[in-house]
Amino acid sequence: MNEKEYAATYQELAIILKELHLGWTAEQVADVVRTGKIIEERSPKRKTPLLKIEDYTSEEQLQLLTNAVEEAIINIAEMEDEIAYFLRIEAEKSQFIPKIIFADPDEVGKEIEFTSELIAPRNKQAIALKSLFKQLLSPTNSLEDNYPIFEQIRNKLTGAINPKFHTAIEQSDIFDVYLFTILLKAIANEGGDIYYKNVLDGNPNSLVFRKTPGKIHGNIHPYTHAVVEFPNKPPLEVHIGVKVQGRAGVLHECNVLVLYKKEADLCRLLSREPRHSQVIVAIKSQFYTSQLKVEIAGSFIGLASDIRYEGGSYFISNSSSYSVAKLLTTARKKWEHNIVPGATNDVNRLMYSLQTIFKDFKARH
């Protein structure tokens, strides 16, 4: 294909995504394309490379768009599959239905059932997209060759999408639950005993999580958390989507949080938010189908400077960016990119890092 055909192929795929209510993936890619790609010009005479911005070619733009769809559909389907396996084991142990309800205080709540019967067929359709995208990107194809492929992509996308749960916010919620399972696996590997409670101290029938970070003591919905007990150590709680008070007296959003149970109990009793000094681990997550913006790293650095956690704060994303990684590394912040089921090395490194925190926790107490 020439540049004109790559551009036309991009537009055809973007139209399909919009028709299937996945237009937000194309919007995220378009944002990256508008920004341009950063090129480093190195010279032996300079320690720091000179930076310049170049436009993406039409071929590169198409590659970005297919990558975005893979993040939004294929990787999310694989996350759901891993969550379903995790919940099946936990549900048998703790006697709850393997179902998650996501809700904000002002709404009824939206549920997603994590069973193999529902997820496996979607996962199969999602995986089939990989070979179709490979065909679509073939430089030997003409635009006419791609028209039959467009129809196949449309059909596979229709079968792969969860019709009730596919917006950008909803997929971010799936990513947070995926991180929640990684964290709990790290705790279990360190010998922690895990069970589940809701905000009213009852045993949950299913898991209820916040769609956006809110009050740890909010009880309009029976929000769920995990309770963690190590032998002869202070008990902990693991939450999704709560706010924490920083040193400057402002509240910060945490996607996944581990804190002392004693502090969580006081917060529920006194209707206040957790103090940063009582937090073991805080995770700020970013689910994004294209390259991360450097502004995201700047925001996290500002948050981390106002909070001192016993174990540390992490910036974790399914996506990546050289600039973001460089900035976080220079600022000496904990971060992990490419956290998706297929990235075994990255996921294992994150899990081992979290295990170290709980190893140290046991040693301190």
Protein backbone atom coordinates (compact mmCIF):
# COMPACT_ATOMS: atom_id res chain seq x y z
CA MET A 1 0.00 0.00 0.00
CA ASN A 2 1.06 3.55 -0.57
CA GLU A 3 0.55 6.42 1.90
CA LYS A 4 -2.84 7.30 0.42
CA GLU A 5 -4.09 3.73 0.77
CA TYR A 6 -2.81 3.48 4.35
CA ALA A 7 -4.72 6.69 5.16
CA ALA A 8 -7.90 5.35 3.55
CA THR A 9 -7.54 2.07 5.47
CA TYR A 10 -7.16 4.06 8.69
CA GLN A 11 -10.38 5.95 7.97
CA GLU A 12 -12.32 2.78 7.17
CA LEU A 13 -11.24 1.16 10.42
CA ALA A 14 -12.06 4.33 12.38
CA ILE A 15 -15.59 4.30 10.90
CA ILE A 16 -16.11 0.69 12.01
CA LEU A 17 -14.94 1.55 15.53
CA LYS A 18 -17.32 4.50 15.72
CA GLU A 19 -20.26 2.36 14.56
CA LEU A 20 -19.49 -0.18 17.32
CA HIS A 21 -19.21 2.55 20.00
CA LEU A 22 -15.43 2.18 20.17
CA GLY A 23 -14.74 5.59 18.66
CA TRP A 24 -12.94 6.62 21.84
CA THR A 25 -10.00 4.38 20.85
CA ALA A 26 -9.59 6.27 17.57
CA GLU A 27 -9.85 9.57 19.48
CA GLN A 28 -6.99 8.56 21.77
CA VAL A 29 -4.87 7.62 18.75
CA ALA A 30 -5.75 10.88 17.00
CA ASP A 31 -4.57 12.76 20.08
CA VAL A 32 -1.20 11.01 19.89
CA VAL A 33 -0.95 11.64 16.15
CA ARG A 34 -1.62 15.36 16.66
CA THR A 35 1.17 15.52 19.25
CA GLY A 36 3.65 13.83 16.93
CA LYS A 37 6.51 11.47 17.74
CA ILE A 38 9.63 12.58 19.57
CA ILE A 39 12.95 11.85 17.88
CA GLU A 40 16.28 12.02 19.72
CA GLU A 41 19.31 13.35 17.87
CA ARG A 42 22.45 12.17 19.62
CA SER A 43 25.95 13.50 19.23
CA PRO A 44 29.25 12.46 20.91
CA LYS A 45 29.78 16.13 21.72
CA ARG A 46 26.57 16.39 23.80
CA LYS A 47 25.56 14.48 26.92
CA THR A 48 21.88 15.26 26.41
CA PRO A 49 20.31 14.48 23.03
CA LEU A 50 18.46 17.14 21.10
CA LEU A 51 14.74 16.45 20.71
CA LYS A 52 12.56 17.16 17.73
CA ILE A 53 8.97 16.34 16.81
CA GLU A 54 8.08 14.53 13.61
CA ASP A 55 4.73 13.63 12.09
CA TYR A 56 3.61 10.01 12.01
CA THR A 57 3.39 8.48 8.57
CA SER A 58 0.04 7.08 7.40
CA GLU A 59 1.41 3.57 7.88
CA GLU A 60 2.47 4.38 11.45
CA GLN A 61 -0.93 5.90 12.19
CA LEU A 62 -2.66 2.71 11.05
CA GLN A 63 -0.30 0.67 13.22
CA LEU A 64 -1.18 2.87 16.21
CA LEU A 65 -4.90 2.35 15.57
CA THR A 66 -4.69 -1.44 15.31
CA ASN A 67 -2.54 -1.49 18.47
CA ALA A 68 -5.22 0.59 20.23
CA VAL A 69 -7.93 -1.89 19.27
CA GLU A 70 -5.77 -4.74 20.53
CA GLU A 71 -5.43 -2.95 23.88
CA ALA A 72 -9.17 -2.23 24.08
CA ILE A 73 -10.44 -5.61 22.91
CA ILE A 74 -7.83 -8.38 22.96
CA ASN A 75 -5.98 -7.41 26.14
CA ILE A 76 -9.20 -6.57 28.00
CA ALA A 77 -10.68 -9.94 26.99
CA GLU A 78 -7.58 -11.69 28.37
CA MET A 79 -7.81 -9.63 31.58
CA GLU A 80 -11.44 -10.68 31.98
CA ASP A 81 -10.40 -14.30 31.49
CA GLU A 82 -7.77 -14.07 34.23
CA ILE A 83 -10.18 -12.23 36.54
CA ALA A 84 -12.80 -14.96 35.95
CA TYR A 85 -10.29 -17.68 36.92
CA PHE A 86 -9.26 -15.75 40.04
CA LEU A 87 -12.87 -15.09 41.09
CA ARG A 88 -13.89 -18.71 40.59
CA ILE A 89 -11.30 -19.81 43.14
CA GLU A 90 -12.04 -16.95 45.56
CA ALA A 91 -15.82 -17.43 45.25
CA GLU A 92 -15.53 -21.10 46.18
CA LYS A 93 -13.40 -20.19 49.19
CA SER A 94 -15.42 -17.18 50.42
CA GLN A 95 -18.88 -18.20 49.19
CA PHE A 96 -19.87 -15.36 46.88
CA ILE A 97 -21.11 -15.17 43.29
CA PRO A 98 -18.30 -14.52 40.74
CA LYS A 99 -19.87 -11.25 39.69
CA ILE A 100 -18.71 -7.65 40.04
CA ILE A 101 -20.95 -4.60 40.29
CA PHE A 102 -19.41 -1.21 39.50
CA ALA A 103 -21.31 1.74 40.93
CA ASP A 104 -20.98 5.39 41.83
CA PRO A 105 -23.10 6.83 44.66
CA ASP A 106 -25.59 8.47 42.29
CA GLU A 107 -26.45 5.41 40.20
CA VAL A 108 -27.92 1.94 40.46
CA GLY A 109 -24.75 0.15 39.40
CA LYS A 110 -23.67 -1.89 36.40
CA GLU A 111 -22.76 -5.52 36.80
CA ILE A 112 -20.51 -7.83 34.86
CA GLU A 113 -20.52 -11.57 35.41
CA PHE A 114 -17.12 -13.23 35.26
CA THR A 115 -17.81 -16.78 34.15
CA SER A 116 -16.00 -18.82 31.52
CA GLU A 117 -19.27 -19.51 29.71
CA LEU A 118 -19.71 -15.78 29.02
CA ILE A 119 -16.09 -14.71 28.58
CA ALA A 120 -14.58 -17.58 26.55
CA PRO A 121 -16.62 -16.96 23.35
CA ARG A 122 -15.73 -13.24 23.38
CA ASN A 123 -12.09 -14.06 24.05
CA LYS A 124 -12.02 -16.41 21.05
CA GLN A 125 -13.36 -13.67 18.76
CA ALA A 126 -10.88 -11.14 20.17
CA ILE A 127 -7.86 -13.37 19.57
CA ALA A 128 -8.93 -13.88 15.94
CA LEU A 129 -8.51 -10.14 15.38
CA LYS A 130 -4.72 -10.43 15.64
CA SER A 131 -4.34 -12.29 12.36
CA LEU A 132 -6.83 -9.96 10.65
CA PHE A 133 -4.84 -6.89 11.69
CA LYS A 134 -1.67 -8.53 10.41
CA GLN A 135 -3.35 -8.98 7.03
CA LEU A 136 -4.67 -5.42 7.09
CA LEU A 137 -1.16 -4.03 7.66
CA SER A 138 0.45 -6.08 4.91
CA PRO A 139 2.39 -3.73 2.57
CA THR A 140 1.55 -6.00 -0.39
CA ASN A 141 -2.19 -5.44 0.04
CA SER A 142 -4.10 -2.87 -1.95
CA LEU A 143 -7.06 -0.95 -0.57
CA GLU A 144 -9.37 -3.25 -2.54
CA ASP A 145 -7.73 -6.29 -0.93
CA ASN A 146 -8.59 -4.88 2.48
CA TYR A 147 -12.34 -4.45 1.96
CA PRO A 148 -13.18 -8.13 2.71
CA ILE A 149 -10.91 -7.90 5.76
CA PHE A 150 -12.86 -4.89 7.04
CA GLU A 151 -16.04 -6.97 7.10
CA GLN A 152 -14.31 -9.79 8.98
CA ILE A 153 -12.93 -7.28 11.49
CA ARG A 154 -16.42 -5.84 11.99
CA ASN A 155 -17.84 -9.31 12.69
CA LYS A 156 -15.06 -10.31 15.08
CA LEU A 157 -15.29 -7.00 16.95
CA THR A 158 -19.06 -7.42 17.31
CA GLY A 159 -18.52 -10.86 18.84
CA ALA A 160 -15.63 -9.76 21.06
CA ILE A 161 -17.19 -6.66 22.61
CA ASN A 162 -19.08 -6.87 25.86
CA PRO A 163 -22.16 -4.85 24.77
CA LYS A 164 -22.82 -3.70 28.34
CA PHE A 165 -19.26 -2.82 29.26
CA HIS A 166 -16.98 -1.28 26.63
CA THR A 167 -16.51 2.45 27.28
CA ALA A 168 -13.12 3.90 28.21
CA ILE A 169 -14.14 4.33 31.87
CA GLU A 170 -15.56 0.81 32.09
CA GLN A 171 -12.42 -0.73 30.64
CA SER A 172 -10.35 1.27 33.12
CA ASP A 173 -12.44 -0.41 35.84
CA ILE A 174 -11.55 -3.83 34.42
CA PHE A 175 -7.88 -2.86 34.48
CA ASP A 176 -8.14 -1.85 38.16
CA VAL A 177 -9.69 -5.20 39.04
CA TYR A 178 -6.90 -6.93 37.12
CA LEU A 179 -4.34 -5.03 39.23
CA PHE A 180 -6.37 -5.91 42.35
CA THR A 181 -5.97 -9.62 41.50
CA ILE A 182 -2.22 -9.25 40.91
CA LEU A 183 -1.86 -7.56 44.29
CA LEU A 184 -3.87 -10.26 46.08
CA LYS A 185 -1.81 -12.99 44.40
CA ALA A 186 1.35 -11.29 45.68
CA ILE A 187 -0.13 -11.24 49.18
CA ALA A 188 -1.12 -14.91 48.96
CA ASN A 189 2.40 -15.80 47.78
CA GLU A 190 3.74 -14.19 50.96
CA GLY A 191 1.44 -16.29 53.13
CA GLY A 192 -1.39 -13.82 53.67
CA ASP A 193 -4.89 -15.11 54.42
CA ILE A 194 -7.52 -13.25 52.36
CA TYR A 195 -11.27 -12.91 52.83
CA TYR A 196 -13.85 -10.33 51.79
CA LYS A 197 -16.10 -7.86 53.62
CA ASN A 198 -18.35 -5.01 52.60
CA VAL A 199 -18.49 -1.51 54.07
CA LEU A 200 -21.19 -2.66 56.52
CA ASP A 201 -18.88 -5.46 57.77
CA GLY A 202 -21.06 -8.09 56.12
CA ASN A 203 -20.04 -11.00 53.92
CA PRO A 204 -20.64 -9.97 50.29
CA ASN A 205 -22.92 -11.91 47.95
CA SER A 206 -20.90 -10.49 45.06
CA LEU A 207 -18.12 -7.92 44.79
CA VAL A 208 -19.11 -4.24 44.57
CA PHE A 209 -16.52 -1.65 43.55
CA ARG A 210 -16.55 2.09 42.89
CA LYS A 211 -16.42 3.27 39.29
CA THR A 212 -14.48 6.36 40.35
CA PRO A 213 -12.42 6.89 43.55
CA GLY A 214 -14.57 8.01 46.45
CA LYS A 215 -15.16 7.73 50.20
CA ILE A 216 -13.88 4.64 51.97
CA HIS A 217 -16.84 4.97 54.35
CA GLY A 218 -19.48 5.52 51.64
CA ASN A 219 -22.31 3.02 52.15
CA ILE A 220 -24.92 3.88 49.53
CA HIS A 221 -23.74 0.65 47.92
CA PRO A 222 -22.24 -2.31 49.85
CA TYR A 223 -18.73 -1.61 48.55
CA THR A 224 -16.39 -4.55 48.95
CA HIS A 225 -12.80 -4.80 50.15
CA ALA A 226 -10.40 -7.64 50.87
CA VAL A 227 -9.16 -8.24 54.40
CA VAL A 228 -5.61 -9.55 54.71
CA GLU A 229 -4.18 -11.32 57.73
CA PHE A 230 -0.60 -12.46 58.21
CA PRO A 231 0.07 -14.55 61.35
CA ASN A 232 0.68 -12.31 64.38
CA LYS A 233 0.73 -9.12 62.25
CA PRO A 234 -1.67 -6.14 62.11
CA PRO A 235 -4.51 -6.91 59.69
CA LEU A 236 -4.73 -4.98 56.42
CA GLU A 237 -7.43 -4.06 53.92
CA VAL A 238 -7.23 -3.82 50.12
CA HIS A 239 -9.59 -1.39 48.37
CA ILE A 240 -10.38 -0.29 44.84
CA GLY A 241 -11.09 3.38 44.20
CA VAL A 242 -10.72 5.40 47.41
CA LYS A 243 -9.27 8.78 48.31
CA VAL A 244 -6.41 9.40 50.76
CA GLN A 245 -5.43 12.52 52.68
CA GLY A 246 -1.95 13.77 51.86
CA ARG A 247 0.51 15.76 53.97
CA ALA A 248 -0.76 19.06 52.56
CA GLY A 249 -4.30 18.28 53.69
CA VAL A 250 -5.70 17.53 50.23
CA LEU A 251 -7.31 14.33 48.99
CA HIS A 252 -5.66 12.14 46.36
CA GLU A 253 -7.32 9.45 44.26
CA CYS A 254 -5.94 5.91 44.55
CA ASN A 255 -7.10 3.22 42.16
CA VAL A 256 -5.90 0.38 44.39
CA LEU A 257 -5.00 0.86 48.05
CA VAL A 258 -3.62 -1.23 50.92
CA LEU A 259 -3.90 0.21 54.43
CA TYR A 260 -4.09 -0.88 58.05
CA LYS A 261 -7.49 -2.30 58.99
CA LYS A 262 -7.43 -0.27 62.19
CA GLU A 263 -7.29 2.94 60.15
CA ALA A 264 -10.04 1.75 57.79
CA ASP A 265 -12.28 0.90 60.76
CA LEU A 266 -11.74 4.39 62.21
CA CYS A 267 -12.57 5.97 58.87
CA ARG A 268 -15.85 4.08 58.67
CA LEU A 269 -16.67 4.95 62.29
CA LEU A 270 -15.82 8.66 62.03
CA SER A 271 -16.75 9.16 58.34
CA ARG A 272 -13.33 10.49 57.36
CA GLU A 273 -10.72 9.59 54.77
CA PRO A 274 -7.54 7.54 55.41
CA ARG A 275 -4.31 9.28 56.40
CA HIS A 276 -1.35 8.67 54.12
CA SER A 277 0.78 7.58 57.09
CA GLN A 278 -1.48 4.54 57.54
CA VAL A 279 -1.18 3.33 53.94
CA ILE A 280 1.08 0.45 52.93
CA VAL A 281 0.71 0.56 49.14
CA ALA A 282 -1.08 2.95 46.78
CA ILE A 283 -1.48 2.38 43.06
CA LYS A 284 -2.33 5.07 40.55
CA SER A 285 -3.37 3.34 37.35
CA GLN A 286 -3.83 4.57 33.80
CA PHE A 287 -5.59 2.48 31.20
CA TYR A 288 -4.87 3.93 27.79
CA THR A 289 -5.06 2.40 24.32
CA SER A 290 -2.28 4.53 22.86
CA GLN A 291 1.01 6.01 24.08
CA LEU A 292 0.93 7.71 27.47
CA LYS A 293 1.15 11.48 27.69
CA VAL A 294 4.08 12.87 29.64
CA GLU A 295 1.66 15.09 31.59
CA ILE A 296 0.34 11.95 33.30
CA ALA A 297 3.78 11.30 34.79
CA GLY A 298 4.02 14.90 36.01
CA SER A 299 0.67 14.55 37.75
CA PHE A 300 1.76 11.33 39.49
CA ILE A 301 5.05 12.87 40.64
CA GLY A 302 3.08 15.70 42.24
CA LEU A 303 0.78 13.23 43.98
CA ALA A 304 3.64 11.05 45.22
CA SER A 305 5.50 14.07 46.65
CA ASP A 306 2.53 14.84 48.94
CA ILE A 307 2.20 11.28 50.19
CA ARG A 308 4.63 9.04 52.03
CA TYR A 309 3.50 5.43 52.04
CA GLU A 310 5.12 2.71 54.11
CA GLY A 311 5.60 0.45 51.10
CA GLY A 312 5.43 3.00 48.33
CA SER A 313 3.24 4.37 45.58
CA TYR A 314 3.16 2.95 42.07
CA PHE A 315 2.22 4.30 38.68
CA ILE A 316 0.98 1.35 36.62
CA SER A 317 -0.32 1.31 33.07
CA ASN A 318 -1.22 -1.16 30.35
CA SER A 319 0.39 1.23 27.89
CA SER A 320 3.86 2.78 27.76
CA SER A 321 5.89 5.81 26.80
CA TYR A 322 9.64 6.30 26.73
CA SER A 323 9.24 9.90 27.93
CA VAL A 324 6.98 8.89 30.83
CA ALA A 325 9.31 6.07 31.86
CA LYS A 326 12.34 8.39 31.71
CA LEU A 327 10.64 11.10 33.76
CA LEU A 328 9.42 8.69 36.47
CA THR A 329 12.80 6.99 36.65
CA THR A 330 14.62 10.32 36.98
CA ALA A 331 12.19 11.29 39.77
CA ARG A 332 12.88 7.90 41.45
CA LYS A 333 9.24 6.81 41.43
CA LYS A 334 7.98 3.25 41.23
CA TRP A 335 6.35 2.46 37.91
CA GLU A 336 5.44 -0.41 35.62
CA HIS A 337 4.23 -0.24 32.02
CA ASN A 338 2.79 -2.88 29.68
CA ILE A 339 0.93 -4.64 32.48
CA VAL A 340 -1.26 -6.96 30.41
CA PRO A 341 -1.74 -10.75 30.57
CA GLY A 342 0.62 -11.48 27.66
CA ALA A 343 3.52 -9.50 29.13
CA THR A 344 4.67 -12.23 31.51
CA ASN A 345 8.00 -10.64 32.45
CA ASP A 346 6.46 -7.24 33.23
CA VAL A 347 3.60 -8.73 35.26
CA ASN A 348 5.95 -11.02 37.21
CA ARG A 349 8.30 -8.12 37.97
CA LEU A 350 5.37 -6.13 39.38
CA MET A 351 4.18 -9.06 41.46
CA TYR A 352 7.65 -9.70 42.89
CA SER A 353 8.01 -6.00 43.71
CA LEU A 354 4.71 -6.10 45.62
CA GLN A 355 5.73 -9.32 47.37
CA THR A 356 8.87 -7.59 48.62
CA ILE A 357 6.73 -4.90 50.25
CA PHE A 358 4.75 -7.51 52.20
CA LYS A 359 7.92 -9.41 53.06
CA ASP A 360 9.25 -6.19 54.59
CA PHE A 361 5.90 -5.53 56.29
CA LYS A 362 6.10 -8.88 58.07
CA ALA A 363 9.69 -8.17 59.14
CA ARG A 364 8.81 -4.74 60.58
CA HIS A 365 5.94 -5.94 62.70
